[in-house]
Amino acid sequence: MTDNTSHLRPDGTTFPPVTPDPPPPPGYVEPVIPDCGLAEDEARGDPVAEPPD
């Protein structure tokens, strides 16, 4: 694709059309990611706590 090529059509659709993600396989269990709170601390600007000596 060159810099002048676009998949956007005049009506706002794209070609080829965007396809949705396939369904998960049978028996798939989504992994649980624990919330350690780092994102909230960084958003507040709090420094990361140092481990005790």
C-alpha atoms as a PDB file:
ATOM      1  CA  MET A   1       0.000   0.000   0.000  1.00  0.00           C
ATOM      2  CA  THR A   2       1.355   3.384  -0.937  1.00  0.00           C
ATOM      3  CA  ASP A   3       0.869   6.634   0.934  1.00  0.00           C
ATOM      4  CA  ASN A   4      -1.862   7.597  -1.552  1.00  0.00           C
ATOM      5  CA  THR A   5      -3.882   4.380  -1.183  1.00  0.00           C
ATOM      6  CA  SER A   6      -6.801   4.180   1.243  1.00  0.00           C
ATOM      7  CA  HIS A   7      -9.237   1.384   2.024  1.00  0.00           C
ATOM      8  CA  LEU A   8     -11.831   3.969   3.088  1.00  0.00           C
ATOM      9  CA  ARG A   9     -14.713   4.325   0.648  1.00  0.00           C
ATOM     10  CA  PRO A  10     -16.663   7.557   0.101  1.00  0.00           C
ATOM     11  CA  ASP A  11     -19.581   6.199   2.193  1.00  0.00           C
ATOM     12  CA  GLY A  12     -17.255   5.602   5.191  1.00  0.00           C
ATOM     13  CA  THR A  13     -17.009   1.826   4.852  1.00  0.00           C
ATOM     14  CA  THR A  14     -13.766  -0.024   4.231  1.00  0.00           C
ATOM     15  CA  PHE A  15     -12.763  -2.686   1.750  1.00  0.00           C
ATOM     16  CA  PRO A  16     -12.093  -5.388   2.604  1.00  0.00           C
ATOM     17  CA  PRO A  17     -14.688  -5.194   5.380  1.00  0.00           C
ATOM     18  CA  VAL A  18     -13.483  -5.467   8.959  1.00  0.00           C
ATOM     19  CA  THR A  19     -14.106  -8.941  10.344  1.00  0.00           C
ATOM     20  CA  PRO A  20     -14.930  -9.583  14.010  1.00  0.00           C
ATOM     21  CA  ASP A  21     -12.683 -11.714  16.209  1.00  0.00           C
ATOM     22  CA  PRO A  22     -13.593 -15.392  16.084  1.00  0.00           C
ATOM     23  CA  PRO A  23     -15.254 -16.908  19.153  1.00  0.00           C
ATOM     24  CA  PRO A  24     -12.949 -18.532  21.718  1.00  0.00           C
ATOM     25  CA  PRO A  25     -12.410 -22.269  21.385  1.00  0.00           C
ATOM     26  CA  PRO A  26     -14.556 -24.624  23.478  1.00  0.00           C
ATOM     27  CA  GLY A  27     -13.294 -24.879  27.055  1.00  0.00           C
ATOM     28  CA  TYR A  28     -11.234 -21.679  26.859  1.00  0.00           C
ATOM     29  CA  VAL A  29     -10.956 -19.895  30.189  1.00  0.00           C
ATOM     30  CA  GLU A  30      -9.839 -16.270  30.025  1.00  0.00           C
ATOM     31  CA  PRO A  31      -6.861 -15.689  32.334  1.00  0.00           C
ATOM     32  CA  VAL A  32      -7.456 -13.560  35.405  1.00  0.00           C
ATOM     33  CA  ILE A  33      -5.061 -10.635  35.606  1.00  0.00           C
ATOM     34  CA  PRO A  34      -4.786  -9.292  39.156  1.00  0.00           C
ATOM     35  CA  ASP A  35      -5.141  -5.553  39.655  1.00  0.00           C
ATOM     36  CA  CYS A  36      -1.995  -4.470  41.483  1.00  0.00           C
ATOM     37  CA  GLY A  37      -3.007  -0.796  41.539  1.00  0.00           C
ATOM     38  CA  LEU A  38       0.076   0.460  39.699  1.00  0.00           C
ATOM     39  CA  ALA A  39      -1.954   2.261  37.049  1.00  0.00           C
ATOM     40  CA  GLU A  40      -3.835   4.236  39.719  1.00  0.00           C
ATOM     41  CA  ASP A  41      -0.600   5.149  41.551  1.00  0.00           C
ATOM     42  CA  GLU A  42       1.016   6.316  38.319  1.00  0.00           C
ATOM     43  CA  ALA A  43      -2.078   8.347  37.400  1.00  0.00           C
ATOM     44  CA  ARG A  44      -1.882  10.157  40.753  1.00  0.00           C
ATOM     45  CA  GLY A  45       1.851  10.651  40.368  1.00  0.00           C
ATOM     46  CA  ASP A  46       2.633   8.660  43.518  1.00  0.00           C
ATOM     47  CA  PRO A  47       6.128   7.204  43.565  1.00  0.00           C
ATOM     48  CA  VAL A  48       6.420   3.445  43.499  1.00  0.00           C
ATOM     49  CA  ALA A  49       6.899   2.127  47.018  1.00  0.00           C
ATOM     50  CA  GLU A  50      10.321   0.665  47.718  1.00  0.00           C
ATOM     51  CA  PRO A  51      10.402  -2.760  49.373  1.00  0.00           C
ATOM     52  CA  PRO A  52      11.448  -2.711  53.047  1.00  0.00           C
ATOM     53  CA  ASP A  53      15.062  -3.572  53.855  1.00  0.00           C
END
